[in-house]
């Protein structure tokens, strides 16, 4: 039996110094990735931004915005080469712990209606579909894609 060695991982603040790696992952993971400006604005706004590192390798990251009694997950991404190994769940755990420490009662997110894999991960974690935002995301050839709104009661 061949053992697959996973790198030891840790979370650290996502900083400007990591943005080149973040943007590389965004471009590999999404047809419509966030821009450097999206991440820079999030840093300036002091959103909760954590990087999941395996040694010096960026495995994934998330960006979340605190509101009154709630936290809104704006972006969570695992590098394609590390997907399917539980790192998304690990980051959802970190997000939940942080949100509870901020006395949030709810976590909210939007996900593309076509991103069934992500919806399955969120549902396994306990998120529930609560609505839809019409024409929320940009799509190919000038089209728009609906978003499913999901929430998790903490």
C-alpha atoms as a PDB file:
ATOM      1  CA  UNK A   1       0.000   0.000   0.000  1.00  0.00           C
ATOM      2  CA  UNK A   2       1.411   3.377  -1.019  1.00  0.00           C
ATOM      3  CA  UNK A   3       1.087   6.118   1.580  1.00  0.00           C
ATOM      4  CA  UNK A   4       0.389   9.664   0.446  1.00  0.00           C
ATOM      5  CA  UNK A   5       2.234  12.150   2.620  1.00  0.00           C
ATOM      6  CA  UNK A   6       0.345  15.350   3.285  1.00  0.00           C
ATOM      7  CA  UNK A   7       2.290  18.440   4.279  1.00  0.00           C
ATOM      8  CA  UNK A   8       1.856  19.655   7.834  1.00  0.00           C
ATOM      9  CA  UNK A   9      -0.450  22.626   7.570  1.00  0.00           C
ATOM     10  CA  UNK A  10      -1.008  25.815   9.501  1.00  0.00           C
ATOM     11  CA  UNK A  11      -3.114  28.948   9.136  1.00  0.00           C
ATOM     12  CA  UNK A  12      -1.612  32.403   8.962  1.00  0.00           C
ATOM     13  CA  UNK A  13      -2.838  35.851   7.975  1.00  0.00           C
ATOM     14  CA  UNK A  14      -3.173  36.322   4.240  1.00  0.00           C
ATOM     15  CA  UNK A  15      -0.940  39.281   3.478  1.00  0.00           C
ATOM     16  CA  UNK A  16       0.076  41.348   0.466  1.00  0.00           C
ATOM     17  CA  UNK A  17       3.218  39.176   0.209  1.00  0.00           C
ATOM     18  CA  UNK A  18       1.054  36.144  -0.679  1.00  0.00           C
ATOM     19  CA  UNK A  19      -1.042  37.850  -3.365  1.00  0.00           C
ATOM     20  CA  UNK A  20       0.975  36.564  -6.340  1.00  0.00           C
ATOM     21  CA  UNK A  21       0.414  32.970  -5.149  1.00  0.00           C
ATOM     22  CA  UNK A  22      -3.247  33.718  -4.387  1.00  0.00           C
ATOM     23  CA  UNK A  23      -3.801  35.120  -7.877  1.00  0.00           C
ATOM     24  CA  UNK A  24      -2.118  32.098  -9.476  1.00  0.00           C
ATOM     25  CA  UNK A  25      -4.507  29.810  -7.589  1.00  0.00           C
ATOM     26  CA  UNK A  26      -7.524  32.006  -8.436  1.00  0.00           C
ATOM     27  CA  UNK A  27      -6.692  31.838 -12.164  1.00  0.00           C
ATOM     28  CA  UNK A  28      -6.257  28.060 -12.011  1.00  0.00           C
ATOM     29  CA  UNK A  29      -9.409  27.468  -9.969  1.00  0.00           C
ATOM     30  CA  UNK A  30     -11.965  29.779 -11.603  1.00  0.00           C
ATOM     31  CA  UNK A  31     -13.125  30.947 -15.005  1.00  0.00           C
ATOM     32  CA  UNK A  32     -13.907  34.332 -13.404  1.00  0.00           C
ATOM     33  CA  UNK A  33     -11.270  34.814 -10.682  1.00  0.00           C
ATOM     34  CA  UNK A  34     -11.045  37.629  -8.176  1.00  0.00           C
ATOM     35  CA  UNK A  35      -8.615  40.356  -9.183  1.00  0.00           C
ATOM     36  CA  UNK A  36      -5.643  41.724  -7.273  1.00  0.00           C
ATOM     37  CA  UNK A  37      -7.857  44.744  -6.582  1.00  0.00           C
ATOM     38  CA  UNK A  38     -10.524  42.550  -4.947  1.00  0.00           C
ATOM     39  CA  UNK A  39      -7.927  41.126  -2.564  1.00  0.00           C
ATOM     40  CA  UNK A  40      -6.220  44.477  -1.970  1.00  0.00           C
ATOM     41  CA  UNK A  41      -9.590  46.066  -1.120  1.00  0.00           C
ATOM     42  CA  UNK A  42     -10.320  43.209   1.290  1.00  0.00           C
ATOM     43  CA  UNK A  43      -6.966  43.743   2.995  1.00  0.00           C
ATOM     44  CA  UNK A  44      -7.630  47.491   3.294  1.00  0.00           C
ATOM     45  CA  UNK A  45     -11.074  46.776   4.751  1.00  0.00           C
ATOM     46  CA  UNK A  46      -9.522  44.533   7.426  1.00  0.00           C
ATOM     47  CA  UNK A  47     -11.611  41.538   6.426  1.00  0.00           C
ATOM     48  CA  UNK A  48     -10.672  38.228   7.995  1.00  0.00           C
ATOM     49  CA  UNK A  49      -8.212  36.730   5.514  1.00  0.00           C
ATOM     50  CA  UNK A  50      -6.420  33.510   6.318  1.00  0.00           C
ATOM     51  CA  UNK A  51      -3.998  31.435   4.271  1.00  0.00           C
ATOM     52  CA  UNK A  52      -3.701  27.670   4.709  1.00  0.00           C
ATOM     53  CA  UNK A  53      -0.023  26.868   4.293  1.00  0.00           C
ATOM     54  CA  UNK A  54       1.754  23.541   3.863  1.00  0.00           C
ATOM     55  CA  UNK A  55       5.276  24.587   4.755  1.00  0.00           C
ATOM     56  CA  UNK A  56       5.950  27.446   2.334  1.00  0.00           C
ATOM     57  CA  UNK A  57       3.250  26.302  -0.112  1.00  0.00           C
ATOM     58  CA  UNK A  58      -0.104  28.073  -0.262  1.00  0.00           C
ATOM     59  CA  UNK A  59      -2.790  25.389  -0.204  1.00  0.00           C
ATOM     60  CA  UNK A  60      -5.847  27.607   0.142  1.00  0.00           C
ATOM     61  CA  UNK A  61      -7.326  30.737   1.650  1.00  0.00           C
ATOM     62  CA  UNK A  62     -10.517  32.422   2.661  1.00  0.00           C
ATOM     63  CA  UNK A  63     -11.864  35.952   2.928  1.00  0.00           C
ATOM     64  CA  UNK A  64     -14.735  36.756   5.282  1.00  0.00           C
ATOM     65  CA  UNK A  65     -16.519  39.954   6.252  1.00  0.00           C
ATOM     66  CA  UNK A  66     -17.950  40.507   9.710  1.00  0.00           C
ATOM     67  CA  UNK A  67     -21.411  42.028  10.083  1.00  0.00           C
ATOM     68  CA  UNK A  68     -23.812  42.441  12.969  1.00  0.00           C
ATOM     69  CA  UNK A  69     -24.295  38.961  14.473  1.00  0.00           C
ATOM     70  CA  UNK A  70     -23.106  37.337  11.241  1.00  0.00           C
ATOM     71  CA  UNK A  71     -20.125  36.623   9.018  1.00  0.00           C
ATOM     72  CA  UNK A  72     -20.260  36.570   5.236  1.00  0.00           C
ATOM     73  CA  UNK A  73     -17.821  34.230   3.474  1.00  0.00           C
ATOM     74  CA  UNK A  74     -16.701  36.109   0.366  1.00  0.00           C
ATOM     75  CA  UNK A  75     -14.116  33.715  -1.057  1.00  0.00           C
ATOM     76  CA  UNK A  76     -12.812  30.296  -0.083  1.00  0.00           C
ATOM     77  CA  UNK A  77     -10.467  28.476  -2.413  1.00  0.00           C
ATOM     78  CA  UNK A  78      -8.317  25.367  -2.297  1.00  0.00           C
ATOM     79  CA  UNK A  79      -5.619  25.142  -4.976  1.00  0.00           C
ATOM     80  CA  UNK A  80      -6.808  22.625  -7.598  1.00  0.00           C
ATOM     81  CA  UNK A  81      -3.875  20.277  -6.910  1.00  0.00           C
ATOM     82  CA  UNK A  82      -4.929  20.016  -3.242  1.00  0.00           C
ATOM     83  CA  UNK A  83      -8.702  19.671  -3.709  1.00  0.00           C
ATOM     84  CA  UNK A  84     -10.507  16.595  -2.432  1.00  0.00           C
ATOM     85  CA  UNK A  85      -8.184  16.161   0.575  1.00  0.00           C
ATOM     86  CA  UNK A  86     -10.276  17.812   3.302  1.00  0.00           C
ATOM     87  CA  UNK A  87      -8.590  21.215   3.235  1.00  0.00           C
ATOM     88  CA  UNK A  88     -11.835  23.007   2.415  1.00  0.00           C
ATOM     89  CA  UNK A  89     -13.468  21.509   5.517  1.00  0.00           C
ATOM     90  CA  UNK A  90     -10.450  22.513   7.584  1.00  0.00           C
ATOM     91  CA  UNK A  91     -10.817  26.118   6.442  1.00  0.00           C
ATOM     92  CA  UNK A  92     -14.576  26.024   7.111  1.00  0.00           C
ATOM     93  CA  UNK A  93     -13.712  24.869  10.644  1.00  0.00           C
ATOM     94  CA  UNK A  94     -11.310  27.796  11.058  1.00  0.00           C
ATOM     95  CA  UNK A  95     -13.949  30.193   9.741  1.00  0.00           C
ATOM     96  CA  UNK A  96     -16.563  28.833  12.162  1.00  0.00           C
ATOM     97  CA  UNK A  97     -14.211  29.102  15.140  1.00  0.00           C
ATOM     98  CA  UNK A  98     -13.326  32.690  14.223  1.00  0.00           C
ATOM     99  CA  UNK A  99     -16.981  33.629  13.623  1.00  0.00           C
ATOM    100  CA  UNK A 100     -17.993  32.209  17.016  1.00  0.00           C
ATOM    101  CA  UNK A 101     -15.162  34.155  18.654  1.00  0.00           C
ATOM    102  CA  UNK A 102     -16.740  37.305  17.146  1.00  0.00           C
ATOM    103  CA  UNK A 103     -20.139  36.281  18.602  1.00  0.00           C
ATOM    104  CA  UNK A 104     -21.642  35.691  15.168  1.00  0.00           C
ATOM    105  CA  UNK A 105     -24.891  33.737  15.090  1.00  0.00           C
ATOM    106  CA  UNK A 106     -24.875  32.993  11.361  1.00  0.00           C
ATOM    107  CA  UNK A 107     -22.494  32.321   8.494  1.00  0.00           C
ATOM    108  CA  UNK A 108     -23.631  33.308   4.985  1.00  0.00           C
ATOM    109  CA  UNK A 109     -22.269  32.689   1.503  1.00  0.00           C
ATOM    110  CA  UNK A 110     -23.179  32.710  -2.163  1.00  0.00           C
ATOM    111  CA  UNK A 111     -22.098  30.014  -4.576  1.00  0.00           C
ATOM    112  CA  UNK A 112     -22.559  29.745  -8.329  1.00  0.00           C
ATOM    113  CA  UNK A 113     -25.621  27.675  -9.158  1.00  0.00           C
ATOM    114  CA  UNK A 114     -23.389  25.548 -11.422  1.00  0.00           C
ATOM    115  CA  UNK A 115     -20.787  24.839  -8.715  1.00  0.00           C
ATOM    116  CA  UNK A 116     -22.402  21.651  -7.438  1.00  0.00           C
ATOM    117  CA  UNK A 117     -19.148  20.342  -5.953  1.00  0.00           C
ATOM    118  CA  UNK A 118     -18.826  23.381  -3.661  1.00  0.00           C
ATOM    119  CA  UNK A 119     -22.514  23.189  -2.697  1.00  0.00           C
ATOM    120  CA  UNK A 120     -22.027  19.555  -1.701  1.00  0.00           C
ATOM    121  CA  UNK A 121     -19.066  20.520   0.521  1.00  0.00           C
ATOM    122  CA  UNK A 122     -21.100  23.297   2.168  1.00  0.00           C
ATOM    123  CA  UNK A 123     -24.106  21.028   2.686  1.00  0.00           C
ATOM    124  CA  UNK A 124     -21.933  18.310   4.237  1.00  0.00           C
ATOM    125  CA  UNK A 125     -20.642  20.977   6.607  1.00  0.00           C
ATOM    126  CA  UNK A 126     -24.202  21.913   7.586  1.00  0.00           C
ATOM    127  CA  UNK A 127     -25.022  24.908   5.386  1.00  0.00           C
ATOM    128  CA  UNK A 128     -28.560  25.061   4.014  1.00  0.00           C
ATOM    129  CA  UNK A 129     -29.834  26.609   0.797  1.00  0.00           C
ATOM    130  CA  UNK A 130     -32.013  29.575   1.695  1.00  0.00           C
ATOM    131  CA  UNK A 131     -32.426  31.518  -1.537  1.00  0.00           C
ATOM    132  CA  UNK A 132     -31.122  32.540  -4.903  1.00  0.00           C
ATOM    133  CA  UNK A 133     -29.681  35.759  -6.325  1.00  0.00           C
ATOM    134  CA  UNK A 134     -30.565  36.130  -9.995  1.00  0.00           C
ATOM    135  CA  UNK A 135     -27.769  37.055 -12.420  1.00  0.00           C
ATOM    136  CA  UNK A 136     -25.299  37.495  -9.552  1.00  0.00           C
ATOM    137  CA  UNK A 137     -22.044  36.257 -11.101  1.00  0.00           C
ATOM    138  CA  UNK A 138     -20.397  37.098 -14.431  1.00  0.00           C
ATOM    139  CA  UNK A 139     -20.371  34.177 -16.843  1.00  0.00           C
ATOM    140  CA  UNK A 140     -19.017  33.470 -20.313  1.00  0.00           C
ATOM    141  CA  UNK A 141     -19.884  35.577 -23.357  1.00  0.00           C
ATOM    142  CA  UNK A 142     -21.374  38.438 -21.331  1.00  0.00           C
ATOM    143  CA  UNK A 143     -23.931  36.211 -19.664  1.00  0.00           C
ATOM    144  CA  UNK A 144     -24.717  36.104 -15.929  1.00  0.00           C
ATOM    145  CA  UNK A 145     -25.073  33.128 -13.570  1.00  0.00           C
ATOM    146  CA  UNK A 146     -27.418  32.837 -10.607  1.00  0.00           C
ATOM    147  CA  UNK A 147     -26.058  32.353  -7.082  1.00  0.00           C
ATOM    148  CA  UNK A 148     -27.430  30.025  -4.434  1.00  0.00           C
ATOM    149  CA  UNK A 149     -27.506  31.728  -1.015  1.00  0.00           C
ATOM    150  CA  UNK A 150     -26.557  29.392   1.826  1.00  0.00           C
ATOM    151  CA  UNK A 151     -26.425  29.872   5.582  1.00  0.00           C
ATOM    152  CA  UNK A 152     -25.237  28.059   8.667  1.00  0.00           C
ATOM    153  CA  UNK A 153     -26.612  28.756  12.139  1.00  0.00           C
ATOM    154  CA  UNK A 154     -23.764  28.751  14.649  1.00  0.00           C
END
